[in-house]
Amino acid sequence: MVYYFAYGSNMDNERMIKRGVVYSERFSGKLDGHKLFFNKIADENQGTGYANIIPDNHSVVEGVVYKTDEKSISKLDSYEGVKTSHYYKTEMLINTTKGTLECVVYIAYQQKTKTGLKPTKDYLQYLLKGKEFLSKNYYGWLLKTETRD
């Protein structure tokens, strides 16, 4: 059993199912001391940014925790570009509705980030699909995120 904290497009349950991720539970999670940015360079579009997290003592990142297995994490490694140095995998303590849990988290390599990027409307929709697991304020903040299109 492995816990995975999704703060980006994997908050969308349908996306996880399409990626072949098997899980037995999902619930709310918060990572203190970090902030969500859309600064991960998306290869296919100039100016488009994917979700990433950066340390920030005054912020919190909200997301979805999945109770899954190593086989599913291996699939996520592939989608998150672990072998191609897009995101690296680490473990972090996440405050959840089930207590504080050590969770797998993907963070973009610095050389794959850039300032001034924005998500597309379609990409932002993946994050908004996590609404039931997000606070009203955080969801409202995501809704106001400026997109590229």
Protein backbone atom coordinates (compact mmCIF):
# COMPACT_ATOMS: atom_id res chain seq x y z
CA MET A 1 0.00 0.00 0.00
CA VAL A 2 1.22 3.47 -0.97
CA TYR A 3 -0.34 6.90 -0.51
CA TYR A 4 -0.01 9.37 -3.39
CA PHE A 5 -0.74 13.11 -3.09
CA ALA A 6 -2.10 14.64 -6.31
CA TYR A 7 -2.14 18.44 -6.53
CA GLY A 8 -2.31 18.81 -10.31
CA SER A 9 -4.11 17.08 -13.17
CA ASN A 10 -4.26 13.76 -11.32
CA MET A 11 -6.92 15.21 -9.03
CA ASP A 12 -9.26 14.17 -11.87
CA ASN A 13 -10.51 10.67 -11.08
CA GLU A 14 -11.26 9.90 -14.74
CA ARG A 15 -7.69 10.79 -15.73
CA MET A 16 -6.33 8.41 -13.10
CA ILE A 17 -8.56 5.58 -14.33
CA LYS A 18 -7.46 6.19 -17.96
CA ARG A 19 -3.86 6.01 -16.76
CA GLY A 20 -4.52 2.59 -15.26
CA VAL A 21 -4.07 3.68 -11.66
CA VAL A 22 -5.84 1.39 -9.24
CA TYR A 23 -6.76 2.75 -5.81
CA SER A 24 -8.95 1.72 -2.91
CA GLU A 25 -9.59 5.14 -1.39
CA ARG A 26 -9.22 8.84 -2.12
CA PHE A 27 -9.56 11.71 0.31
CA SER A 28 -8.50 15.29 1.01
CA GLY A 29 -4.90 16.24 1.65
CA LYS A 30 -2.97 19.43 2.41
CA LEU A 31 0.74 20.15 2.15
CA ASP A 32 1.77 22.98 4.45
CA GLY A 33 4.69 25.23 3.59
CA HIS A 34 4.32 24.95 -0.20
CA LYS A 35 2.55 26.86 -2.96
CA LEU A 36 1.06 25.70 -6.25
CA PHE A 37 2.56 27.19 -9.40
CA PHE A 38 1.99 26.48 -13.08
CA ASN A 39 5.67 26.77 -13.92
CA LYS A 40 6.43 23.27 -15.26
CA ILE A 41 7.21 23.63 -18.96
CA ALA A 42 4.72 21.74 -21.14
CA ASP A 43 6.76 20.42 -24.06
CA GLU A 44 4.07 20.71 -26.67
CA ASN A 45 3.09 24.36 -26.16
CA GLN A 46 5.24 27.44 -25.73
CA GLY A 47 3.99 29.43 -22.75
CA THR A 48 1.91 26.62 -21.26
CA GLY A 49 2.60 25.55 -17.69
CA TYR A 50 1.71 22.42 -15.78
CA ALA A 51 1.25 22.22 -12.01
CA ASN A 52 4.24 22.19 -9.69
CA ILE A 53 4.86 22.98 -6.03
CA ILE A 54 7.48 25.25 -4.51
CA PRO A 55 8.39 25.77 -0.84
CA ASP A 56 6.61 28.80 0.66
CA ASN A 57 6.25 29.02 4.44
CA HIS A 58 3.03 31.07 4.21
CA SER A 59 1.10 28.83 1.83
CA VAL A 60 -0.65 25.48 1.59
CA VAL A 61 -1.28 23.19 -1.37
CA GLU A 62 -4.52 21.24 -1.36
CA GLY A 63 -5.17 18.07 -3.30
CA VAL A 64 -6.34 14.47 -3.37
CA VAL A 65 -4.66 11.55 -1.62
CA TYR A 66 -5.00 8.16 -3.29
CA LYS A 67 -4.43 4.89 -1.43
CA THR A 68 -2.82 2.81 -4.15
CA ASP A 69 -0.02 0.28 -4.81
CA GLU A 70 3.53 0.16 -6.20
CA LYS A 71 2.33 -1.00 -9.63
CA SER A 72 0.16 2.11 -9.98
CA ILE A 73 2.99 4.36 -8.75
CA SER A 74 5.16 2.82 -11.46
CA LYS A 75 2.55 3.82 -14.04
CA LEU A 76 2.47 7.35 -12.62
CA ASP A 77 6.28 7.50 -12.78
CA SER A 78 5.97 7.00 -16.51
CA TYR A 79 3.24 9.63 -16.97
CA GLU A 80 5.08 12.15 -14.78
CA GLY A 81 8.33 11.72 -16.72
CA VAL A 82 10.47 10.46 -13.84
CA LYS A 83 12.89 8.63 -16.18
CA THR A 84 13.09 11.61 -18.53
CA SER A 85 13.79 14.07 -15.71
CA HIS A 86 10.55 16.07 -15.89
CA TYR A 87 9.35 15.39 -12.34
CA TYR A 88 11.14 13.62 -9.53
CA LYS A 89 9.40 11.47 -6.98
CA THR A 90 9.77 12.12 -3.27
CA GLU A 91 7.86 11.42 -0.07
CA MET A 92 6.33 14.16 2.05
CA LEU A 93 4.11 14.39 5.10
CA ILE A 94 0.58 15.34 4.05
CA ASN A 95 -2.17 16.38 6.47
CA THR A 96 -5.24 14.39 5.53
CA THR A 97 -8.72 13.65 6.79
CA LYS A 98 -7.18 10.35 8.03
CA GLY A 99 -4.29 11.99 9.92
CA THR A 100 -0.77 12.87 8.77
CA LEU A 101 0.46 10.40 6.15
CA GLU A 102 3.70 9.93 4.26
CA CYS A 103 2.77 10.29 0.60
CA VAL A 104 4.49 10.05 -2.76
CA VAL A 105 4.64 13.50 -4.37
CA TYR A 106 5.98 14.52 -7.79
CA ILE A 107 7.91 17.81 -8.08
CA ALA A 108 9.27 19.32 -11.29
CA TYR A 109 13.02 19.49 -11.79
CA GLN A 110 14.15 23.10 -11.71
CA GLN A 111 15.57 22.90 -15.25
CA LYS A 112 12.06 21.97 -16.45
CA THR A 113 10.48 25.11 -14.97
CA LYS A 114 10.11 28.65 -16.21
CA THR A 115 8.40 31.80 -14.94
CA GLY A 116 5.51 33.40 -16.81
CA LEU A 117 3.77 30.18 -17.85
CA LYS A 118 0.01 29.66 -17.60
CA PRO A 119 -2.17 26.56 -17.76
CA THR A 120 -4.66 26.02 -20.57
CA LYS A 121 -8.36 26.01 -19.71
CA ASP A 122 -8.49 22.28 -20.47
CA TYR A 123 -5.60 21.53 -18.13
CA LEU A 124 -7.07 23.65 -15.34
CA GLN A 125 -10.30 21.62 -15.60
CA TYR A 126 -8.40 18.54 -14.39
CA LEU A 127 -7.56 20.37 -11.15
CA LEU A 128 -11.09 21.70 -10.76
CA LYS A 129 -12.39 18.10 -10.89
CA GLY A 130 -10.95 17.74 -7.39
CA LYS A 131 -13.57 20.17 -6.05
CA GLU A 132 -15.09 17.79 -3.49
CA PHE A 133 -11.67 17.43 -1.81
CA LEU A 134 -10.74 21.13 -1.77
CA SER A 135 -11.71 23.94 0.56
CA LYS A 136 -14.09 26.55 -0.82
CA ASN A 137 -11.32 29.19 -0.75
CA TYR A 138 -8.75 27.03 -2.53
CA TYR A 139 -11.25 25.98 -5.20
CA GLY A 140 -12.23 29.64 -5.67
CA TRP A 141 -8.55 30.56 -6.06
CA LEU A 142 -8.13 27.87 -8.72
CA LEU A 143 -11.22 29.16 -10.56
CA LYS A 144 -9.60 32.60 -10.79
CA THR A 145 -6.34 31.22 -12.23
CA GLU A 146 -5.47 33.04 -15.43
CA THR A 147 -5.17 30.65 -18.38
CA ARG A 148 -3.30 30.85 -21.65
CA ASP A 149 -6.49 30.70 -23.75
